[in-house]
Amino acid sequence: MNLTITGHHLEITPAIRAYVEDKLKRVTRHFENVIDVGVILSVEKLRHKAEVNLHARGKDIYVESVEEDMYAAVDVLVDKLDRQVVKHKEKSSDVHRDAGSPKRQSAEPEE
């Protein structure tokens, strides 16, 4: 997984970098097919905004959150991202599971 952390109007300190990396490990625990993750952290007046663009096999997921504290924004961001990754994983596994189900197979008349 390639991880890029960028700051707009904000210096990315080692503490923030370590915090984001630690939180994103939770996402890769659910979904191993992550190719690239881009995180943008920005500050505008008193709004701390965190955005992530996750590129996985077969899906790109974009999530953003705005909070009063950068660490809170990262927490909310990872919660939203985790829900979307789990939802994508369930949908992709349901497609594979439904392909072999009796409902999906053509009904041939018995003789």
PDB file of N, CA and C in Angstrom:
ATOM      1  N   MET A   1       0.848  -1.177   0.000  1.00  0.00           N
ATOM      2  CA  MET A   1       0.000   0.000   0.000  1.00  0.00           C
ATOM      3  C   MET A   1       0.889   1.234   0.000  1.00  0.00           C
ATOM      4  N   ASN A   2       0.665   2.109  -0.956  1.00  0.00           N
ATOM      5  CA  ASN A   2       1.369   3.383  -1.015  1.00  0.00           C
ATOM      6  C   ASN A   2       0.550   4.416  -0.262  1.00  0.00           C
ATOM      7  N   LEU A   3       1.180   5.111   0.678  1.00  0.00           N
ATOM      8  CA  LEU A   3       0.491   6.108   1.489  1.00  0.00           C
ATOM      9  C   LEU A   3       1.137   7.459   1.250  1.00  0.00           C
ATOM     10  N   THR A   4       0.318   8.447   0.874  1.00  0.00           N
ATOM     11  CA  THR A   4       0.786   9.811   0.674  1.00  0.00           C
ATOM     12  C   THR A   4      -0.004  10.717   1.599  1.00  0.00           C
ATOM     13  N   ILE A   5       0.700  11.458   2.462  1.00  0.00           N
ATOM     14  CA  ILE A   5       0.048  12.395   3.371  1.00  0.00           C
ATOM     15  C   ILE A   5       0.513  13.792   2.993  1.00  0.00           C
ATOM     16  N   THR A   6      -0.443  14.669   2.679  1.00  0.00           N
ATOM     17  CA  THR A   6      -0.156  16.024   2.251  1.00  0.00           C
ATOM     18  C   THR A   6      -0.843  17.001   3.184  1.00  0.00           C
ATOM     19  N   GLY A   7      -0.202  18.126   3.447  1.00  0.00           N
ATOM     20  CA  GLY A   7      -0.791  19.155   4.287  1.00  0.00           C
ATOM     21  C   GLY A   7      -0.968  20.450   3.526  1.00  0.00           C
ATOM     22  N   HIS A   8      -2.150  21.038   3.592  1.00  0.00           N
ATOM     23  CA  HIS A   8      -2.417  22.353   3.015  1.00  0.00           C
ATOM     24  C   HIS A   8      -2.563  23.331   4.165  1.00  0.00           C
ATOM     25  N   HIS A   9      -1.699  24.325   4.211  1.00  0.00           N
ATOM     26  CA  HIS A   9      -1.668  25.305   5.287  1.00  0.00           C
ATOM     27  C   HIS A   9      -1.407  24.622   6.636  1.00  0.00           C
ATOM     28  N   LEU A  10      -0.667  23.537   6.587  1.00  0.00           N
ATOM     29  CA  LEU A  10      -0.401  22.745   7.783  1.00  0.00           C
ATOM     30  C   LEU A  10       0.890  21.966   7.571  1.00  0.00           C
ATOM     31  N   GLU A  11       1.732  21.970   8.567  1.00  0.00           N
ATOM     32  CA  GLU A  11       2.948  21.164   8.505  1.00  0.00           C
ATOM     33  C   GLU A  11       2.634  19.780   9.073  1.00  0.00           C
ATOM     34  N   ILE A  12       3.005  18.760   8.324  1.00  0.00           N
ATOM     35  CA  ILE A  12       2.753  17.389   8.772  1.00  0.00           C
ATOM     36  C   ILE A  12       3.876  17.003   9.734  1.00  0.00           C
ATOM     37  N   THR A  13       3.524  16.938  11.009  1.00  0.00           N
ATOM     38  CA  THR A  13       4.502  16.567  12.027  1.00  0.00           C
ATOM     39  C   THR A  13       4.614  15.050  12.093  1.00  0.00           C
ATOM     40  N   PRO A  14       5.703  14.540  12.635  1.00  0.00           N
ATOM     41  CA  PRO A  14       5.821  13.077  12.790  1.00  0.00           C
ATOM     42  C   PRO A  14       4.692  12.477  13.626  1.00  0.00           C
ATOM     43  N   ALA A  15       4.182  13.232  14.605  1.00  0.00           N
ATOM     44  CA  ALA A  15       3.084  12.720  15.438  1.00  0.00           C
ATOM     45  C   ALA A  15       1.807  12.547  14.619  1.00  0.00           C
ATOM     46  N   ILE A  16       1.488  13.532  13.784  1.00  0.00           N
ATOM     47  CA  ILE A  16       0.286  13.428  12.948  1.00  0.00           C
ATOM     48  C   ILE A  16       0.454  12.309  11.928  1.00  0.00           C
ATOM     49  N   ARG A  17       1.638  12.219  11.322  1.00  0.00           N
ATOM     50  CA  ARG A  17       1.904  11.165  10.344  1.00  0.00           C
ATOM     51  C   ARG A  17       1.737   9.779  10.974  1.00  0.00           C
ATOM     52  N   ALA A  18       2.307   9.587  12.158  1.00  0.00           N
ATOM     53  CA  ALA A  18       2.194   8.289  12.844  1.00  0.00           C
ATOM     54  C   ALA A  18       0.745   7.991  13.205  1.00  0.00           C
ATOM     55  N   TYR A  19      -0.010   9.015  13.628  1.00  0.00           N
ATOM     56  CA  TYR A  19      -1.410   8.833  14.006  1.00  0.00           C
ATOM     57  C   TYR A  19      -2.242   8.388  12.799  1.00  0.00           C
ATOM     58  N   VAL A  20      -2.044   9.047  11.657  1.00  0.00           N
ATOM     59  CA  VAL A  20      -2.791   8.696  10.445  1.00  0.00           C
ATOM     60  C   VAL A  20      -2.422   7.294   9.985  1.00  0.00           C
ATOM     61  N   GLU A  21      -1.138   6.961   9.987  1.00  0.00           N
ATOM     62  CA  GLU A  21      -0.698   5.627   9.562  1.00  0.00           C
ATOM     63  C   GLU A  21      -1.287   4.553  10.461  1.00  0.00           C
ATOM     64  N   ASP A  22      -1.303   4.807  11.767  1.00  0.00           N
ATOM     65  CA  ASP A  22      -1.847   3.834  12.714  1.00  0.00           C
ATOM     66  C   ASP A  22      -3.343   3.631  12.493  1.00  0.00           C
ATOM     67  N   LYS A  23      -4.062   4.710  12.253  1.00  0.00           N
ATOM     68  CA  LYS A  23      -5.506   4.603  12.045  1.00  0.00           C
ATOM     69  C   LYS A  23      -5.834   3.901  10.722  1.00  0.00           C
ATOM     70  N   LEU A  24      -5.032   4.130   9.691  1.00  0.00           N
ATOM     71  CA  LEU A  24      -5.314   3.510   8.400  1.00  0.00           C
ATOM     72  C   LEU A  24      -4.999   2.015   8.387  1.00  0.00           C
ATOM     73  N   LYS A  25      -4.249   1.531   9.353  1.00  0.00           N
ATOM     74  CA  LYS A  25      -4.006   0.086   9.445  1.00  0.00           C
ATOM     75  C   LYS A  25      -5.310  -0.656   9.691  1.00  0.00           C
ATOM     76  N   ARG A  26      -6.265   0.013  10.342  1.00  0.00           N
ATOM     77  CA  ARG A  26      -7.570  -0.592  10.604  1.00  0.00           C
ATOM     78  C   ARG A  26      -8.298  -0.907   9.298  1.00  0.00           C
ATOM     79  N   VAL A  27      -8.152  -0.028   8.315  1.00  0.00           N
ATOM     80  CA  VAL A  27      -8.815  -0.231   7.020  1.00  0.00           C
ATOM     81  C   VAL A  27      -8.185  -1.404   6.287  1.00  0.00           C
ATOM     82  N   THR A  28      -6.858  -1.491   6.299  1.00  0.00           N
ATOM     83  CA  THR A  28      -6.190  -2.574   5.585  1.00  0.00           C
ATOM     84  C   THR A  28      -6.405  -3.915   6.273  1.00  0.00           C
ATOM     85  N   ARG A  29      -6.790  -3.889   7.530  1.00  0.00           N
ATOM     86  CA  ARG A  29      -7.104  -5.136   8.223  1.00  0.00           C
ATOM     87  C   ARG A  29      -8.365  -5.775   7.635  1.00  0.00           C
ATOM     88  N   HIS A  30      -9.327  -4.938   7.211  1.00  0.00           N
ATOM     89  CA  HIS A  30     -10.566  -5.442   6.624  1.00  0.00           C
ATOM     90  C   HIS A  30     -10.417  -5.772   5.152  1.00  0.00           C
ATOM     91  N   PHE A  31      -9.533  -5.060   4.471  1.00  0.00           N
ATOM     92  CA  PHE A  31      -9.493  -5.132   3.015  1.00  0.00           C
ATOM     93  C   PHE A  31      -8.036  -5.081   2.576  1.00  0.00           C
ATOM     94  N   GLU A  32      -7.505  -6.188   2.071  1.00  0.00           N
ATOM     95  CA  GLU A  32      -6.092  -6.275   1.739  1.00  0.00           C
ATOM     96  C   GLU A  32      -5.780  -5.738   0.344  1.00  0.00           C
ATOM     97  N   ASN A  33      -6.770  -5.511  -0.492  1.00  0.00           N
ATOM     98  CA  ASN A  33      -6.551  -5.142  -1.885  1.00  0.00           C
ATOM     99  C   ASN A  33      -6.372  -3.638  -2.089  1.00  0.00           C
ATOM    100  N   VAL A  34      -5.851  -2.929  -1.096  1.00  0.00           N
ATOM    101  CA  VAL A  34      -5.637  -1.494  -1.198  1.00  0.00           C
ATOM    102  C   VAL A  34      -4.348  -1.238  -1.974  1.00  0.00           C
ATOM    103  N   ILE A  35      -4.441  -0.446  -3.035  1.00  0.00           N
ATOM    104  CA  ILE A  35      -3.282  -0.146  -3.866  1.00  0.00           C
ATOM    105  C   ILE A  35      -2.619   1.149  -3.424  1.00  0.00           C
ATOM    106  N   ASP A  36      -3.415   2.209  -3.270  1.00  0.00           N
ATOM    107  CA  ASP A  36      -2.868   3.529  -3.011  1.00  0.00           C
ATOM    108  C   ASP A  36      -3.826   4.301  -2.117  1.00  0.00           C
ATOM    109  N   VAL A  37      -3.270   5.062  -1.165  1.00  0.00           N
ATOM    110  CA  VAL A  37      -4.075   5.902  -0.291  1.00  0.00           C
ATOM    111  C   VAL A  37      -3.456   7.290  -0.284  1.00  0.00           C
ATOM    112  N   GLY A  38      -4.269   8.288  -0.573  1.00  0.00           N
ATOM    113  CA  GLY A  38      -3.828   9.685  -0.518  1.00  0.00           C
ATOM    114  C   GLY A  38      -4.610  10.419   0.551  1.00  0.00           C
ATOM    115  N   VAL A  39      -3.909  11.010   1.510  1.00  0.00           N
ATOM    116  CA  VAL A  39      -4.553  11.732   2.604  1.00  0.00           C
ATOM    117  C   VAL A  39      -4.168  13.198   2.490  1.00  0.00           C
ATOM    118  N   ILE A  40      -5.155  14.086   2.556  1.00  0.00           N
ATOM    119  CA  ILE A  40      -4.910  15.525   2.538  1.00  0.00           C
ATOM    120  C   ILE A  40      -5.476  16.109   3.826  1.00  0.00           C
ATOM    121  N   LEU A  41      -4.616  16.753   4.584  1.00  0.00           N
ATOM    122  CA  LEU A  41      -5.011  17.423   5.820  1.00  0.00           C
ATOM    123  C   LEU A  41      -4.887  18.922   5.591  1.00  0.00           C
ATOM    124  N   SER A  42      -5.940  19.672   5.910  1.00  0.00           N
ATOM    125  CA  SER A  42      -5.899  21.110   5.685  1.00  0.00           C
ATOM    126  C   SER A  42      -6.567  21.852   6.824  1.00  0.00           C
ATOM    127  N   VAL A  43      -6.183  23.120   6.957  1.00  0.00           N
ATOM    128  CA  VAL A  43      -6.738  23.984   7.996  1.00  0.00           C
ATOM    129  C   VAL A  43      -7.204  25.275   7.346  1.00  0.00           C
ATOM    130  N   GLU A  44      -8.448  25.659   7.601  1.00  0.00           N
ATOM    131  CA  GLU A  44      -8.999  26.930   7.154  1.00  0.00           C
ATOM    132  C   GLU A  44      -9.673  27.575   8.356  1.00  0.00           C
ATOM    133  N   LYS A  45      -9.091  28.623   8.847  1.00  0.00           N
ATOM    134  CA  LYS A  45      -9.532  29.300  10.066  1.00  0.00           C
ATOM    135  C   LYS A  45      -9.609  28.280  11.201  1.00  0.00           C
ATOM    136  N   LEU A  46     -10.776  27.963  11.707  1.00  0.00           N
ATOM    137  CA  LEU A  46     -10.894  27.006  12.810  1.00  0.00           C
ATOM    138  C   LEU A  46     -11.407  25.648  12.355  1.00  0.00           C
ATOM    139  N   ARG A  47     -11.468  25.449  11.041  1.00  0.00           N
ATOM    140  CA  ARG A  47     -11.957  24.171  10.510  1.00  0.00           C
ATOM    141  C   ARG A  47     -10.770  23.297  10.118  1.00  0.00           C
ATOM    142  N   HIS A  48     -10.717  22.125  10.677  1.00  0.00           N
ATOM    143  CA  HIS A  48      -9.680  21.153  10.337  1.00  0.00           C
ATOM    144  C   HIS A  48     -10.340  20.107   9.444  1.00  0.00           C
ATOM    145  N   LYS A  49      -9.819  19.986   8.246  1.00  0.00           N
ATOM    146  CA  LYS A  49     -10.433  19.108   7.257  1.00  0.00           C
ATOM    147  C   LYS A  49      -9.469  17.987   6.912  1.00  0.00           C
ATOM    148  N   ALA A  50      -9.990  16.770   6.884  1.00  0.00           N
ATOM    149  CA  ALA A  50      -9.208  15.599   6.500  1.00  0.00           C
ATOM    150  C   ALA A  50      -9.931  14.919   5.341  1.00  0.00           C
ATOM    151  N   GLU A  51      -9.183  14.607   4.287  1.00  0.00           N
ATOM    152  CA  GLU A  51      -9.738  13.943   3.115  1.00  0.00           C
ATOM    153  C   GLU A  51      -8.874  12.734   2.794  1.00  0.00           C
ATOM    154  N   VAL A  52      -9.506  11.704   2.275  1.00  0.00           N
ATOM    155  CA  VAL A  52      -8.752  10.535   1.842  1.00  0.00           C
ATOM    156  C   VAL A  52      -9.331  10.039   0.527  1.00  0.00           C
ATOM    157  N   ASN A  53      -8.431   9.634  -0.354  1.00  0.00           N
ATOM    158  CA  ASN A  53      -8.812   9.018  -1.619  1.00  0.00           C
ATOM    159  C   ASN A  53      -8.136   7.655  -1.647  1.00  0.00           C
ATOM    160  N   LEU A  54      -8.923   6.602  -1.518  1.00  0.00           N
ATOM    161  CA  LEU A  54      -8.405   5.243  -1.450  1.00  0.00           C
ATOM    162  C   LEU A  54      -8.643   4.562  -2.787  1.00  0.00           C
ATOM    163  N   HIS A  55      -7.576   4.061  -3.374  1.00  0.00           N
ATOM    164  CA  HIS A  55      -7.667   3.347  -4.647  1.00  0.00           C
ATOM    165  C   HIS A  55      -7.454   1.873  -4.362  1.00  0.00           C
ATOM    166  N   ALA A  56      -8.509   1.100  -4.534  1.00  0.00           N
ATOM    167  CA  ALA A  56      -8.441  -0.347  -4.331  1.00  0.00           C
ATOM    168  C   ALA A  56      -8.755  -1.019  -5.654  1.00  0.00           C
ATOM    169  N   ARG A  57      -8.533  -2.308  -5.698  1.00  0.00           N
ATOM    170  CA  ARG A  57      -8.821  -3.041  -6.923  1.00  0.00           C
ATOM    171  C   ARG A  57     -10.319  -3.004  -7.176  1.00  0.00           C
ATOM    172  N   GLY A  58     -10.703  -2.345  -8.264  1.00  0.00           N
ATOM    173  CA  GLY A  58     -12.103  -2.300  -8.650  1.00  0.00           C
ATOM    174  C   GLY A  58     -12.908  -1.162  -8.061  1.00  0.00           C
ATOM    175  N   LYS A  59     -12.310  -0.298  -7.246  1.00  0.00           N
ATOM    176  CA  LYS A  59     -13.104   0.743  -6.596  1.00  0.00           C
ATOM    177  C   LYS A  59     -12.203   1.871  -6.119  1.00  0.00           C
ATOM    178  N   ASP A  60     -12.656   3.108  -6.305  1.00  0.00           N
ATOM    179  CA  ASP A  60     -12.022   4.277  -5.712  1.00  0.00           C
ATOM    180  C   ASP A  60     -13.001   4.835  -4.690  1.00  0.00           C
ATOM    181  N   ILE A  61     -12.516   5.103  -3.493  1.00  0.00           N
ATOM    182  CA  ILE A  61     -13.370   5.598  -2.417  1.00  0.00           C
ATOM    183  C   ILE A  61     -12.825   6.938  -1.954  1.00  0.00           C
ATOM    184  N   TYR A  62     -13.696   7.956  -1.898  1.00  0.00           N
ATOM    185  CA  TYR A  62     -13.323   9.286  -1.432  1.00  0.00           C
ATOM    186  C   TYR A  62     -14.156   9.610  -0.208  1.00  0.00           C
ATOM    187  N   VAL A  63     -13.490  10.077   0.857  1.00  0.00           N
ATOM    188  CA  VAL A  63     -14.172  10.423   2.105  1.00  0.00           C
ATOM    189  C   VAL A  63     -13.548  11.706   2.635  1.00  0.00           C
ATOM    190  N   GLU A  64     -14.368  12.561   3.243  1.00  0.00           N
ATOM    191  CA  GLU A  64     -13.833  13.757   3.897  1.00  0.00           C
ATOM    192  C   GLU A  64     -14.577  14.009   5.193  1.00  0.00           C
ATOM    193  N   SER A  65     -13.902  14.693   6.109  1.00  0.00           N
ATOM    194  CA  SER A  65     -14.527  15.060   7.373  1.00  0.00           C
ATOM    195  C   SER A  65     -13.981  16.406   7.816  1.00  0.00           C
ATOM    196  N   VAL A  66     -14.822  17.179   8.498  1.00  0.00           N
ATOM    197  CA  VAL A  66     -14.446  18.493   9.003  1.00  0.00           C
ATOM    198  C   VAL A  66     -14.786  18.531  10.481  1.00  0.00           C
ATOM    199  N   GLU A  67     -13.788  18.858  11.296  1.00  0.00           N
ATOM    200  CA  GLU A  67     -13.981  18.935  12.738  1.00  0.00           C
ATOM    201  C   GLU A  67     -13.209  20.139  13.276  1.00  0.00           C
ATOM    202  N   GLU A  68     -13.320  20.382  14.577  1.00  0.00           N
ATOM    203  CA  GLU A  68     -12.603  21.481  15.208  1.00  0.00           C
ATOM    204  C   GLU A  68     -11.174  21.100  15.588  1.00  0.00           C
ATOM    205  N   ASP A  69     -10.888  19.803  15.620  1.00  0.00           N
ATOM    206  CA  ASP A  69      -9.567  19.307  16.000  1.00  0.00           C
ATOM    207  C   ASP A  69      -9.096  18.347  14.907  1.00  0.00           C
ATOM    208  N   MET A  70      -7.811  18.388  14.563  1.00  0.00           N
ATOM    209  CA  MET A  70      -7.300  17.551  13.479  1.00  0.00           C
ATOM    210  C   MET A  70      -7.386  16.067  13.832  1.00  0.00           C
ATOM    211  N   TYR A  71      -7.077  15.717  15.076  1.00  0.00           N
ATOM    212  CA  TYR A  71      -7.141  14.315  15.475  1.00  0.00           C
ATOM    213  C   TYR A  71      -8.581  13.798  15.431  1.00  0.00           C
ATOM    214  N   ALA A  72      -9.537  14.639  15.824  1.00  0.00           N
ATOM    215  CA  ALA A  72     -10.949  14.247  15.733  1.00  0.00           C
ATOM    216  C   ALA A  72     -11.367  14.091  14.281  1.00  0.00           C
ATOM    217  N   ALA A  73     -10.869  14.964  13.403  1.00  0.00           N
ATOM    218  CA  ALA A  73     -11.194  14.864  11.984  1.00  0.00           C
ATOM    219  C   ALA A  73     -10.658  13.558  11.399  1.00  0.00           C
ATOM    220  N   VAL A  74      -9.457  13.159  11.810  1.00  0.00           N
ATOM    221  CA  VAL A  74      -8.880  11.902  11.323  1.00  0.00           C
ATOM    222  C   VAL A  74      -9.694  10.720  11.852  1.00  0.00           C
ATOM    223  N   ASP A  75     -10.114  10.777  13.119  1.00  0.00           N
ATOM    224  CA  ASP A  75     -10.923   9.691  13.682  1.00  0.00           C
ATOM    225  C   ASP A  75     -12.234   9.521  12.918  1.00  0.00           C
ATOM    226  N   VAL A  76     -12.942  10.615  12.670  1.00  0.00           N
ATOM    227  CA  VAL A  76     -14.209  10.557  11.941  1.00  0.00           C
ATOM    228  C   VAL A  76     -13.970  10.065  10.514  1.00  0.00           C
ATOM    229  N   LEU A  77     -12.896  10.539   9.905  1.00  0.00           N
ATOM    230  CA  LEU A  77     -12.544  10.134   8.550  1.00  0.00           C
ATOM    231  C   LEU A  77     -12.327   8.628   8.454  1.00  0.00           C
ATOM    232  N   VAL A  78     -11.575   8.079   9.375  1.00  0.00           N
ATOM    233  CA  VAL A  78     -11.279   6.640   9.343  1.00  0.00           C
ATOM    234  C   VAL A  78     -12.535   5.828   9.622  1.00  0.00           C
ATOM    235  N   ASP A  79     -13.418   6.312  10.498  1.00  0.00           N
ATOM    236  CA  ASP A  79     -14.684   5.611  10.734  1.00  0.00           C
ATOM    237  C   ASP A  79     -15.523   5.549   9.460  1.00  0.00           C
ATOM    238  N   LYS A  80     -15.632   6.682   8.760  1.00  0.00           N
ATOM    239  CA  LYS A  80     -16.400   6.713   7.513  1.00  0.00           C
ATOM    240  C   LYS A  80     -15.761   5.801   6.455  1.00  0.00           C
ATOM    241  N   LEU A  81     -14.456   5.884   6.350  1.00  0.00           N
ATOM    242  CA  LEU A  81     -13.744   5.073   5.362  1.00  0.00           C
ATOM    243  C   LEU A  81     -13.894   3.592   5.659  1.00  0.00           C
ATOM    244  N   ASP A  82     -13.809   3.230   6.922  1.00  0.00           N
ATOM    245  CA  ASP A  82     -13.945   1.832   7.322  1.00  0.00           C
ATOM    246  C   ASP A  82     -15.325   1.301   6.954  1.00  0.00           C
ATOM    247  N   ARG A  83     -16.370   2.097   7.194  1.00  0.00           N
ATOM    248  CA  ARG A  83     -17.722   1.667   6.837  1.00  0.00           C
ATOM    249  C   ARG A  83     -17.858   1.460   5.332  1.00  0.00           C
ATOM    250  N   GLN A  84     -17.276   2.366   4.542  1.00  0.00           N
ATOM    251  CA  GLN A  84     -17.395   2.228   3.091  1.00  0.00           C
ATOM    252  C   GLN A  84     -16.592   1.043   2.568  1.00  0.00           C
ATOM    253  N   VAL A  85     -15.426   0.789   3.153  1.00  0.00           N
ATOM    254  CA  VAL A  85     -14.610  -0.350   2.718  1.00  0.00           C
ATOM    255  C   VAL A  85     -15.316  -1.662   3.051  1.00  0.00           C
ATOM    256  N   VAL A  86     -15.891  -1.763   4.242  1.00  0.00           N
ATOM    257  CA  VAL A  86     -16.620  -2.974   4.621  1.00  0.00           C
ATOM    258  C   VAL A  86     -17.827  -3.169   3.709  1.00  0.00           C
ATOM    259  N   LYS A  87     -18.522  -2.078   3.384  1.00  0.00           N
ATOM    260  CA  LYS A  87     -19.681  -2.154   2.486  1.00  0.00           C
ATOM    261  C   LYS A  87     -19.254  -2.640   1.103  1.00  0.00           C
ATOM    262  N   HIS A  88     -18.147  -2.117   0.592  1.00  0.00           N
ATOM    263  CA  HIS A  88     -17.635  -2.551  -0.712  1.00  0.00           C
ATOM    264  C   HIS A  88     -17.224  -4.017  -0.678  1.00  0.00           C
ATOM    265  N   LYS A  89     -16.587  -4.424   0.402  1.00  0.00           N
ATOM    266  CA  LYS A  89     -16.142  -5.814   0.535  1.00  0.00           C
ATOM    267  C   LYS A  89     -17.349  -6.758   0.564  1.00  0.00           C
ATOM    268  N   GLU A  90     -18.394  -6.376   1.298  1.00  0.00           N
ATOM    269  CA  GLU A  90     -19.591  -7.211   1.366  1.00  0.00           C
ATOM    270  C   GLU A  90     -20.283  -7.285   0.005  1.00  0.00           C
ATOM    271  N   LYS A  91     -20.343  -6.166  -0.710  1.00  0.00           N
ATOM    272  CA  LYS A  91     -20.972  -6.175  -2.026  1.00  0.00           C
ATOM    273  C   LYS A  91     -20.202  -7.069  -2.991  1.00  0.00           C
ATOM    274  N   SER A  92     -18.884  -6.969  -2.981  1.00  0.00           N
ATOM    275  CA  SER A  92     -18.091  -7.772  -3.908  1.00  0.00           C
ATOM    276  C   SER A  92     -18.166  -9.255  -3.555  1.00  0.00           C
ATOM    277  N   SER A  93     -18.243  -9.590  -2.276  1.00  0.00           N
ATOM    278  CA  SER A  93     -18.352 -10.997  -1.902  1.00  0.00           C
ATOM    279  C   SER A  93     -19.758 -11.525  -2.184  1.00  0.00           C
ATOM    280  N   ASP A  94     -20.776 -10.657  -2.097  1.00  0.00           N
ATOM    281  CA  ASP A  94     -22.141 -11.074  -2.422  1.00  0.00           C
ATOM    282  C   ASP A  94     -22.278 -11.394  -3.903  1.00  0.00           C
ATOM    283  N   VAL A  95     -21.589 -10.665  -4.752  1.00  0.00           N
ATOM    284  CA  VAL A  95     -21.653 -10.913  -6.192  1.00  0.00           C
ATOM    285  C   VAL A  95     -21.090 -12.294  -6.493  1.00  0.00           C
ATOM    286  N   HIS A  96     -19.977 -12.625  -5.870  1.00  0.00           N
ATOM    287  CA  HIS A  96     -19.377 -13.931  -6.099  1.00  0.00           C
ATOM    288  C   HIS A  96     -20.241 -15.045  -5.510  1.00  0.00           C
ATOM    289  N   ARG A  97     -20.870 -14.776  -4.384  1.00  0.00           N
ATOM    290  CA  ARG A  97     -21.700 -15.782  -3.733  1.00  0.00           C
ATOM    291  C   ARG A  97     -22.977 -16.012  -4.523  1.00  0.00           C
ATOM    292  N   ASP A  98     -23.576 -14.943  -5.079  1.00  0.00           N
ATOM    293  CA  ASP A  98     -24.831 -15.069  -5.812  1.00  0.00           C
ATOM    294  C   ASP A  98     -24.653 -15.732  -7.173  1.00  0.00           C
ATOM    295  N   ALA A  99     -23.460 -15.705  -7.719  1.00  0.00           N
ATOM    296  CA  ALA A  99     -23.240 -16.267  -9.051  1.00  0.00           C
ATOM    297  C   ALA A  99     -23.532 -17.766  -9.080  1.00  0.00           C
ATOM    298  N   GLY A 100     -23.295 -18.476  -8.009  1.00  0.00           N
ATOM    299  CA  GLY A 100     -23.523 -19.908  -7.991  1.00  0.00           C
ATOM    300  C   GLY A 100     -24.799 -20.325  -7.292  1.00  0.00           C
ATOM    301  N   SER A 101     -25.616 -19.367  -6.898  1.00  0.00           N
ATOM    302  CA  SER A 101     -26.829 -19.712  -6.172  1.00  0.00           C
ATOM    303  C   SER A 101     -27.870 -20.310  -7.118  1.00  0.00           C
ATOM    304  N   PRO A 102     -28.753 -21.151  -6.606  1.00  0.00           N
ATOM    305  CA  PRO A 102     -29.779 -21.786  -7.448  1.00  0.00           C
ATOM    306  C   PRO A 102     -30.707 -20.773  -8.114  1.00  0.00           C
ATOM    307  N   LYS A 103     -30.926 -19.613  -7.495  1.00  0.00           N
ATOM    308  CA  LYS A 103     -31.793 -18.605  -8.088  1.00  0.00           C
ATOM    309  C   LYS A 103     -31.187 -18.046  -9.367  1.00  0.00           C
ATOM    310  N   ARG A 104     -29.870 -17.959  -9.423  1.00  0.00           N
ATOM    311  CA  ARG A 104     -29.183 -17.363 -10.572  1.00  0.00           C
ATOM    312  C   ARG A 104     -29.016 -18.338 -11.735  1.00  0.00           C
ATOM    313  N   GLN A 105     -29.099 -19.625 -11.455  1.00  0.00           N
ATOM    314  CA  GLN A 105     -28.923 -20.609 -12.503  1.00  0.00           C
ATOM    315  C   GLN A 105     -30.215 -20.702 -13.315  1.00  0.00           C
ATOM    316  N   SER A 106     -30.069 -20.976 -14.596  1.00  0.00           N
ATOM    317  CA  SER A 106     -31.260 -21.051 -15.437  1.00  0.00           C
ATOM    318  C   SER A 106     -32.063 -22.286 -15.079  1.00  0.00           C
ATOM    319  N   ALA A 107     -33.362 -22.111 -15.061  1.00  0.00           N
ATOM    320  CA  ALA A 107     -34.242 -23.227 -14.721  1.00  0.00           C
ATOM    321  C   ALA A 107     -34.535 -24.027 -15.983  1.00  0.00           C
ATOM    322  N   GLU A 108     -34.073 -25.253 -15.994  1.00  0.00           N
ATOM    323  CA  GLU A 108     -34.313 -26.131 -17.139  1.00  0.00           C
ATOM    324  C   GLU A 108     -35.488 -27.042 -16.805  1.00  0.00           C
ATOM    325  N   PRO A 109     -36.396 -27.228 -17.746  1.00  0.00           N
ATOM    326  CA  PRO A 109     -37.554 -28.098 -17.459  1.00  0.00           C
ATOM    327  C   PRO A 109     -37.115 -29.546 -17.303  1.00  0.00           C
ATOM    328  N   GLU A 110     -37.706 -30.208 -16.342  1.00  0.00           N
ATOM    329  CA  GLU A 110     -37.382 -31.616 -16.111  1.00  0.00           C
ATOM    330  C   GLU A 110     -38.259 -32.481 -17.003  1.00  0.00           C
ATOM    331  N   GLU A 111     -37.722 -33.600 -17.449  1.00  0.00           N
ATOM    332  CA  GLU A 111     -38.479 -34.501 -18.339  1.00  0.00           C
ATOM    333  C   GLU A 111     -39.052 -35.646 -17.588  1.00  0.00           C
TER     334      GLU A 111
END
